[in-house]
Amino acid sequence: MTAQTVAAPVRRQRRFNLEMWGWAFMRLSGVALVILIFGHLFINLMVGEGIHALDFAFIAGKFATPFWQWWDVIMLWLALIHGANGMRTIVNDYVTNGTARKVLIWALGLAAGLLILLGTLVVFTFDPCLGVTESSTLWDTCQAVAN
């Protein structure tokens, strides 16, 4: 009697695994969001006059510097993508109808993409002097910036 040789199993080719990348993104973005959000809260509520300093001029001053623009945009992007990815996971877990699952995932992606686009436009195109009249408290500041 002779022994049969068993062929080694065929190696699977590594391919892009969306679920693994989604899992890793959730962990990394969660840590980044904690840092960004607590930094945001600390600067807005603790530094200077605290919550009493929060007004339109304070926000306009923050949005006048690229550092805070990028800080807020990164926080916005991470929060929206993190939330949409979490909702995608819930849809994948609980929606059994394939068509409904695809529709919901596409709707999530479109909603997140639209909010990211609009939020980014607001941050980078923010103009505190738009529509300011002479009776406004910002009139002198806007005139000084314009000249």
N, C-alpha and C. Protein backbone atom coordinates (compact mmCIF):
# COMPACT_ATOMS: atom_id res chain seq x y z
N MET A 1 0.83 -1.15 0.00
CA MET A 1 0.00 0.00 0.00
C MET A 1 0.89 1.23 0.00
N THR A 2 0.52 2.19 -0.80
CA THR A 2 1.31 3.41 -0.89
C THR A 2 0.53 4.58 -0.27
N ALA A 3 1.27 5.51 0.24
CA ALA A 3 0.65 6.69 0.85
C ALA A 3 0.34 7.71 -0.25
N GLN A 4 -0.81 8.33 -0.13
CA GLN A 4 -1.18 9.36 -1.11
C GLN A 4 -0.64 10.71 -0.64
N THR A 5 -0.19 11.45 -1.61
CA THR A 5 0.28 12.80 -1.26
C THR A 5 -0.90 13.75 -1.34
N VAL A 6 -1.00 14.56 -0.32
CA VAL A 6 -2.07 15.55 -0.27
C VAL A 6 -1.50 16.87 -0.77
N ALA A 7 -2.19 17.44 -1.73
CA ALA A 7 -1.73 18.72 -2.28
C ALA A 7 -1.95 19.83 -1.25
N ALA A 8 -0.99 20.71 -1.22
CA ALA A 8 -1.11 21.86 -0.31
C ALA A 8 -2.26 22.74 -0.77
N PRO A 9 -2.95 23.35 0.18
CA PRO A 9 -4.07 24.22 -0.22
C PRO A 9 -3.56 25.42 -1.02
N VAL A 10 -4.37 25.85 -1.94
CA VAL A 10 -4.01 26.98 -2.78
C VAL A 10 -4.02 28.24 -1.91
N ARG A 11 -2.95 29.02 -2.03
CA ARG A 11 -2.88 30.26 -1.26
C ARG A 11 -3.86 31.27 -1.83
N ARG A 12 -4.61 31.85 -0.95
CA ARG A 12 -5.54 32.89 -1.39
C ARG A 12 -4.78 34.17 -1.64
N GLN A 13 -5.15 34.82 -2.70
CA GLN A 13 -4.53 36.10 -2.98
C GLN A 13 -5.11 37.14 -2.03
N ARG A 14 -4.24 37.98 -1.53
CA ARG A 14 -4.73 39.05 -0.66
C ARG A 14 -5.45 40.07 -1.54
N ARG A 15 -6.58 40.49 -1.06
CA ARG A 15 -7.33 41.49 -1.80
C ARG A 15 -7.81 42.55 -0.82
N PHE A 16 -8.34 43.60 -1.34
CA PHE A 16 -8.82 44.71 -0.52
C PHE A 16 -10.00 44.22 0.32
N ASN A 17 -9.91 44.40 1.62
CA ASN A 17 -10.97 43.98 2.52
C ASN A 17 -11.58 45.22 3.17
N LEU A 18 -12.74 45.64 2.66
CA LEU A 18 -13.39 46.85 3.14
C LEU A 18 -13.72 46.77 4.63
N GLU A 19 -14.16 45.62 5.08
CA GLU A 19 -14.54 45.49 6.49
C GLU A 19 -13.33 45.67 7.41
N MET A 20 -12.18 45.11 7.02
CA MET A 20 -10.99 45.25 7.86
C MET A 20 -10.54 46.71 7.90
N TRP A 21 -10.56 47.39 6.76
CA TRP A 21 -10.17 48.80 6.72
C TRP A 21 -11.19 49.66 7.45
N GLY A 22 -12.45 49.33 7.35
CA GLY A 22 -13.48 50.05 8.10
C GLY A 22 -13.29 49.90 9.60
N TRP A 23 -12.96 48.69 10.04
CA TRP A 23 -12.71 48.42 11.46
C TRP A 23 -11.51 49.24 11.94
N ALA A 24 -10.42 49.23 11.17
CA ALA A 24 -9.22 49.98 11.55
C ALA A 24 -9.50 51.48 11.55
N PHE A 25 -10.25 51.95 10.55
CA PHE A 25 -10.58 53.38 10.49
C PHE A 25 -11.37 53.81 11.70
N MET A 26 -12.33 52.99 12.14
CA MET A 26 -13.14 53.35 13.31
C MET A 26 -12.28 53.53 14.54
N ARG A 27 -11.30 52.68 14.73
CA ARG A 27 -10.43 52.77 15.91
C ARG A 27 -9.54 54.01 15.83
N LEU A 28 -8.91 54.21 14.68
CA LEU A 28 -8.00 55.35 14.52
C LEU A 28 -8.75 56.69 14.52
N SER A 29 -9.87 56.74 13.83
CA SER A 29 -10.62 57.99 13.79
C SER A 29 -11.23 58.30 15.15
N GLY A 30 -11.59 57.26 15.90
CA GLY A 30 -12.11 57.48 17.25
C GLY A 30 -11.09 58.14 18.15
N VAL A 31 -9.86 57.67 18.10
CA VAL A 31 -8.79 58.28 18.90
C VAL A 31 -8.53 59.71 18.44
N ALA A 32 -8.46 59.91 17.13
CA ALA A 32 -8.23 61.26 16.60
C ALA A 32 -9.37 62.20 16.97
N LEU A 33 -10.61 61.71 16.91
CA LEU A 33 -11.75 62.55 17.26
C LEU A 33 -11.74 62.95 18.72
N VAL A 34 -11.34 62.04 19.60
CA VAL A 34 -11.25 62.39 21.02
C VAL A 34 -10.28 63.54 21.21
N ILE A 35 -9.12 63.47 20.57
CA ILE A 35 -8.12 64.54 20.68
C ILE A 35 -8.65 65.84 20.08
N LEU A 36 -9.23 65.76 18.88
CA LEU A 36 -9.73 66.96 18.22
C LEU A 36 -10.88 67.61 18.99
N ILE A 37 -11.81 66.80 19.47
CA ILE A 37 -12.98 67.34 20.17
C ILE A 37 -12.59 67.94 21.51
N PHE A 38 -11.75 67.24 22.28
CA PHE A 38 -11.35 67.81 23.56
C PHE A 38 -10.48 69.05 23.37
N GLY A 39 -9.66 69.09 22.32
CA GLY A 39 -8.91 70.31 22.01
C GLY A 39 -9.85 71.45 21.65
N HIS A 40 -10.86 71.15 20.86
CA HIS A 40 -11.87 72.14 20.47
C HIS A 40 -12.60 72.68 21.70
N LEU A 41 -13.04 71.78 22.57
CA LEU A 41 -13.74 72.20 23.79
C LEU A 41 -12.84 73.00 24.71
N PHE A 42 -11.59 72.58 24.86
CA PHE A 42 -10.66 73.29 25.73
C PHE A 42 -10.43 74.72 25.25
N ILE A 43 -10.17 74.88 23.96
CA ILE A 43 -9.92 76.21 23.41
C ILE A 43 -11.16 77.09 23.51
N ASN A 44 -12.33 76.52 23.22
CA ASN A 44 -13.55 77.32 23.22
C ASN A 44 -14.06 77.64 24.62
N LEU A 45 -13.89 76.73 25.57
CA LEU A 45 -14.52 76.90 26.88
C LEU A 45 -13.57 77.26 28.01
N MET A 46 -12.29 76.95 27.89
CA MET A 46 -11.38 77.14 29.02
C MET A 46 -10.41 78.30 28.82
N VAL A 47 -9.95 78.51 27.62
CA VAL A 47 -8.93 79.52 27.36
C VAL A 47 -9.59 80.90 27.29
N GLY A 48 -8.92 81.90 27.79
CA GLY A 48 -9.45 83.27 27.75
C GLY A 48 -10.61 83.44 28.72
N GLU A 49 -11.68 84.04 28.23
CA GLU A 49 -12.84 84.31 29.08
C GLU A 49 -13.80 83.13 29.15
N GLY A 50 -13.43 82.03 28.57
CA GLY A 50 -14.27 80.84 28.62
C GLY A 50 -15.51 80.98 27.77
N ILE A 51 -16.60 80.44 28.27
CA ILE A 51 -17.84 80.41 27.50
C ILE A 51 -18.40 81.80 27.25
N HIS A 52 -18.03 82.77 28.08
CA HIS A 52 -18.53 84.14 27.90
C HIS A 52 -17.93 84.81 26.67
N ALA A 53 -16.83 84.29 26.17
CA ALA A 53 -16.19 84.88 24.99
C ALA A 53 -16.75 84.32 23.69
N LEU A 54 -17.59 83.28 23.77
CA LEU A 54 -18.13 82.67 22.56
C LEU A 54 -19.20 83.57 21.95
N ASP A 55 -18.87 84.15 20.84
CA ASP A 55 -19.82 84.93 20.07
C ASP A 55 -19.39 84.90 18.61
N PHE A 56 -20.09 85.63 17.78
CA PHE A 56 -19.79 85.62 16.36
C PHE A 56 -18.36 86.07 16.08
N ALA A 57 -17.91 87.08 16.80
CA ALA A 57 -16.55 87.60 16.58
C ALA A 57 -15.49 86.56 16.93
N PHE A 58 -15.73 85.78 17.99
CA PHE A 58 -14.78 84.74 18.38
C PHE A 58 -14.66 83.69 17.27
N ILE A 59 -15.81 83.25 16.76
CA ILE A 59 -15.81 82.25 15.69
C ILE A 59 -15.18 82.83 14.42
N ALA A 60 -15.51 84.08 14.11
CA ALA A 60 -14.92 84.72 12.93
C ALA A 60 -13.41 84.80 13.07
N GLY A 61 -12.94 85.10 14.28
CA GLY A 61 -11.49 85.15 14.51
C GLY A 61 -10.83 83.80 14.33
N LYS A 62 -11.51 82.74 14.81
CA LYS A 62 -10.96 81.40 14.63
C LYS A 62 -10.91 81.01 13.16
N PHE A 63 -11.97 81.32 12.44
CA PHE A 63 -12.03 80.94 11.03
C PHE A 63 -11.14 81.82 10.15
N ALA A 64 -10.52 82.83 10.73
CA ALA A 64 -9.61 83.69 9.96
C ALA A 64 -8.21 83.08 9.87
N THR A 65 -7.93 82.05 10.66
CA THR A 65 -6.60 81.43 10.63
C THR A 65 -6.68 80.04 10.02
N PRO A 66 -5.77 79.71 9.12
CA PRO A 66 -5.79 78.39 8.47
C PRO A 66 -5.68 77.22 9.46
N PHE A 67 -4.95 77.40 10.55
CA PHE A 67 -4.81 76.31 11.52
C PHE A 67 -6.17 75.86 12.03
N TRP A 68 -7.00 76.83 12.47
CA TRP A 68 -8.31 76.47 13.02
C TRP A 68 -9.27 76.05 11.92
N GLN A 69 -9.12 76.57 10.73
CA GLN A 69 -9.94 76.10 9.61
C GLN A 69 -9.69 74.61 9.38
N TRP A 70 -8.40 74.24 9.30
CA TRP A 70 -8.07 72.84 9.05
C TRP A 70 -8.45 71.96 10.24
N TRP A 71 -8.27 72.47 11.46
CA TRP A 71 -8.67 71.72 12.66
C TRP A 71 -10.15 71.36 12.57
N ASP A 72 -11.00 72.36 12.28
CA ASP A 72 -12.44 72.12 12.21
C ASP A 72 -12.82 71.25 11.03
N VAL A 73 -12.15 71.43 9.89
CA VAL A 73 -12.47 70.60 8.72
C VAL A 73 -12.09 69.14 8.97
N ILE A 74 -10.94 68.91 9.56
CA ILE A 74 -10.53 67.53 9.86
C ILE A 74 -11.50 66.91 10.86
N MET A 75 -11.91 67.68 11.87
CA MET A 75 -12.87 67.18 12.84
C MET A 75 -14.21 66.86 12.15
N LEU A 76 -14.65 67.74 11.28
CA LEU A 76 -15.90 67.53 10.54
C LEU A 76 -15.82 66.28 9.67
N TRP A 77 -14.76 66.16 8.88
CA TRP A 77 -14.61 65.01 7.99
C TRP A 77 -14.56 63.71 8.78
N LEU A 78 -13.72 63.67 9.81
CA LEU A 78 -13.60 62.43 10.59
C LEU A 78 -14.92 62.07 11.26
N ALA A 79 -15.61 63.06 11.82
CA ALA A 79 -16.88 62.78 12.50
C ALA A 79 -17.92 62.24 11.52
N LEU A 80 -18.03 62.85 10.36
CA LEU A 80 -19.04 62.41 9.40
C LEU A 80 -18.70 61.04 8.81
N ILE A 81 -17.44 60.82 8.47
CA ILE A 81 -17.07 59.52 7.91
C ILE A 81 -17.17 58.44 8.99
N HIS A 82 -16.77 58.76 10.21
CA HIS A 82 -16.87 57.82 11.33
C HIS A 82 -18.33 57.43 11.56
N GLY A 83 -19.20 58.44 11.59
CA GLY A 83 -20.62 58.17 11.80
C GLY A 83 -21.25 57.39 10.66
N ALA A 84 -20.91 57.75 9.42
CA ALA A 84 -21.46 57.04 8.26
C ALA A 84 -20.96 55.60 8.23
N ASN A 85 -19.71 55.38 8.59
CA ASN A 85 -19.17 54.02 8.63
C ASN A 85 -19.86 53.19 9.72
N GLY A 86 -20.14 53.81 10.85
CA GLY A 86 -20.87 53.11 11.91
C GLY A 86 -22.28 52.75 11.46
N MET A 87 -22.94 53.68 10.78
CA MET A 87 -24.29 53.40 10.27
C MET A 87 -24.24 52.32 9.19
N ARG A 88 -23.19 52.33 8.38
CA ARG A 88 -23.04 51.29 7.35
C ARG A 88 -22.92 49.92 8.00
N THR A 89 -22.17 49.86 9.09
CA THR A 89 -22.03 48.59 9.81
C THR A 89 -23.37 48.12 10.35
N ILE A 90 -24.15 49.04 10.90
CA ILE A 90 -25.47 48.68 11.43
C ILE A 90 -26.38 48.20 10.30
N VAL A 91 -26.36 48.90 9.16
CA VAL A 91 -27.17 48.49 8.01
C VAL A 91 -26.75 47.09 7.56
N ASN A 92 -25.46 46.85 7.45
CA ASN A 92 -24.99 45.52 7.03
C ASN A 92 -25.41 44.44 8.01
N ASP A 93 -25.45 44.75 9.30
CA ASP A 93 -25.80 43.75 10.30
C ASP A 93 -27.29 43.45 10.36
N TYR A 94 -28.14 44.45 10.14
CA TYR A 94 -29.57 44.27 10.42
C TYR A 94 -30.50 44.32 9.22
N VAL A 95 -30.05 44.80 8.08
CA VAL A 95 -30.92 44.84 6.90
C VAL A 95 -30.67 43.58 6.09
N THR A 96 -31.69 42.76 5.97
CA THR A 96 -31.52 41.46 5.30
C THR A 96 -31.80 41.53 3.79
N ASN A 97 -32.61 42.46 3.36
CA ASN A 97 -32.93 42.60 1.94
C ASN A 97 -31.75 43.26 1.23
N GLY A 98 -31.20 42.59 0.23
CA GLY A 98 -30.02 43.09 -0.47
C GLY A 98 -30.24 44.43 -1.14
N THR A 99 -31.39 44.62 -1.78
CA THR A 99 -31.68 45.88 -2.46
C THR A 99 -31.81 47.02 -1.45
N ALA A 100 -32.52 46.77 -0.37
CA ALA A 100 -32.69 47.80 0.66
C ALA A 100 -31.33 48.16 1.28
N ARG A 101 -30.49 47.15 1.47
CA ARG A 101 -29.16 47.40 2.03
C ARG A 101 -28.36 48.31 1.11
N LYS A 102 -28.38 48.02 -0.19
CA LYS A 102 -27.63 48.85 -1.14
C LYS A 102 -28.16 50.28 -1.18
N VAL A 103 -29.48 50.42 -1.17
CA VAL A 103 -30.09 51.76 -1.20
C VAL A 103 -29.70 52.55 0.04
N LEU A 104 -29.78 51.92 1.21
CA LEU A 104 -29.44 52.61 2.45
C LEU A 104 -27.96 52.99 2.51
N ILE A 105 -27.10 52.10 2.06
CA ILE A 105 -25.67 52.40 2.08
C ILE A 105 -25.35 53.53 1.11
N TRP A 106 -25.97 53.52 -0.06
CA TRP A 106 -25.77 54.62 -1.00
C TRP A 106 -26.30 55.93 -0.42
N ALA A 107 -27.47 55.88 0.23
CA ALA A 107 -28.04 57.09 0.83
C ALA A 107 -27.12 57.63 1.93
N LEU A 108 -26.56 56.74 2.73
CA LEU A 108 -25.61 57.16 3.77
C LEU A 108 -24.39 57.83 3.16
N GLY A 109 -23.85 57.22 2.13
CA GLY A 109 -22.67 57.78 1.47
C GLY A 109 -22.95 59.14 0.84
N LEU A 110 -24.11 59.26 0.18
CA LEU A 110 -24.46 60.54 -0.44
C LEU A 110 -24.70 61.62 0.61
N ALA A 111 -25.40 61.27 1.69
CA ALA A 111 -25.66 62.25 2.75
C ALA A 111 -24.36 62.70 3.40
N ALA A 112 -23.49 61.76 3.72
CA ALA A 112 -22.20 62.11 4.34
C ALA A 112 -21.36 62.95 3.38
N GLY A 113 -21.33 62.56 2.12
CA GLY A 113 -20.56 63.31 1.13
C GLY A 113 -21.08 64.73 0.96
N LEU A 114 -22.40 64.89 0.90
CA LEU A 114 -22.99 66.22 0.76
C LEU A 114 -22.69 67.09 1.98
N LEU A 115 -22.81 66.52 3.17
CA LEU A 115 -22.52 67.28 4.39
C LEU A 115 -21.04 67.65 4.49
N ILE A 116 -20.18 66.75 4.07
CA ILE A 116 -18.74 67.06 4.05
C ILE A 116 -18.46 68.20 3.09
N LEU A 117 -19.04 68.14 1.90
CA LEU A 117 -18.85 69.20 0.91
C LEU A 117 -19.36 70.54 1.42
N LEU A 118 -20.59 70.57 1.94
CA LEU A 118 -21.16 71.83 2.41
C LEU A 118 -20.41 72.38 3.62
N GLY A 119 -20.06 71.51 4.56
CA GLY A 119 -19.31 71.95 5.74
C GLY A 119 -17.95 72.50 5.39
N THR A 120 -17.28 71.85 4.46
CA THR A 120 -15.96 72.32 4.03
C THR A 120 -16.08 73.68 3.33
N LEU A 121 -17.10 73.83 2.50
CA LEU A 121 -17.32 75.12 1.84
C LEU A 121 -17.59 76.23 2.86
N VAL A 122 -18.38 75.93 3.88
CA VAL A 122 -18.67 76.94 4.90
C VAL A 122 -17.39 77.37 5.61
N VAL A 123 -16.57 76.41 5.99
CA VAL A 123 -15.35 76.75 6.74
C VAL A 123 -14.39 77.57 5.89
N PHE A 124 -14.16 77.17 4.66
CA PHE A 124 -13.14 77.83 3.85
C PHE A 124 -13.63 79.09 3.12
N THR A 125 -14.94 79.28 3.02
CA THR A 125 -15.44 80.48 2.35
C THR A 125 -16.12 81.43 3.32
N PHE A 126 -15.97 81.19 4.61
CA PHE A 126 -16.62 82.02 5.63
C PHE A 126 -16.12 83.46 5.54
N ASP A 127 -17.05 84.39 5.42
CA ASP A 127 -16.71 85.81 5.36
C ASP A 127 -17.58 86.55 6.38
N PRO A 128 -16.99 86.97 7.50
CA PRO A 128 -17.79 87.62 8.54
C PRO A 128 -18.31 88.99 8.13
N CYS A 129 -17.77 89.56 7.07
CA CYS A 129 -18.18 90.90 6.65
C CYS A 129 -19.25 90.89 5.57
N LEU A 130 -19.69 89.74 5.17
CA LEU A 130 -20.70 89.63 4.12
C LEU A 130 -22.04 90.15 4.65
N GLY A 131 -22.56 91.18 4.02
CA GLY A 131 -23.85 91.73 4.41
C GLY A 131 -23.83 92.64 5.63
N VAL A 132 -22.66 93.05 6.09
CA VAL A 132 -22.57 93.94 7.25
C VAL A 132 -22.95 95.36 6.82
N THR A 133 -23.83 95.98 7.58
CA THR A 133 -24.25 97.35 7.30
C THR A 133 -23.60 98.31 8.30
N GLU A 134 -23.78 99.61 8.07
CA GLU A 134 -23.16 100.60 8.95
C GLU A 134 -23.69 100.53 10.37
N SER A 135 -24.87 100.02 10.56
CA SER A 135 -25.45 99.93 11.90
C SER A 135 -24.93 98.73 12.69
N SER A 136 -24.18 97.86 12.05
CA SER A 136 -23.67 96.66 12.71
C SER A 136 -22.45 96.97 13.57
N THR A 137 -22.27 96.18 14.62
CA THR A 137 -21.10 96.35 15.48
C THR A 137 -19.82 95.90 14.78
N LEU A 138 -19.94 95.13 13.70
CA LEU A 138 -18.77 94.67 12.95
C LEU A 138 -18.32 95.65 11.87
N TRP A 139 -19.07 96.75 11.68
CA TRP A 139 -18.78 97.66 10.58
C TRP A 139 -17.35 98.18 10.63
N ASP A 140 -16.91 98.67 11.78
CA ASP A 140 -15.56 99.23 11.89
C ASP A 140 -14.50 98.18 11.61
N THR A 141 -14.69 96.99 12.14
CA THR A 141 -13.72 95.91 11.93
C THR A 141 -13.63 95.54 10.46
N CYS A 142 -14.78 95.42 9.82
CA CYS A 142 -14.78 95.04 8.40
C CYS A 142 -14.19 96.14 7.52
N GLN A 143 -14.42 97.39 7.89
CA GLN A 143 -13.83 98.50 7.13
C GLN A 143 -12.32 98.51 7.29
N ALA A 144 -11.84 98.20 8.49
CA ALA A 144 -10.39 98.16 8.73
C ALA A 144 -9.73 97.03 7.95
N VAL A 145 -10.40 95.91 7.86
CA VAL A 145 -9.86 94.76 7.13
C VAL A 145 -9.86 95.04 5.63
N ALA A 146 -10.91 95.70 5.15
CA ALA A 146 -11.04 95.98 3.72
C ALA A 146 -10.01 97.00 3.25
N ASN A 147 -9.60 97.90 4.12
CA ASN A 147 -8.65 98.96 3.71
C ASN A 147 -7.24 98.60 3.97
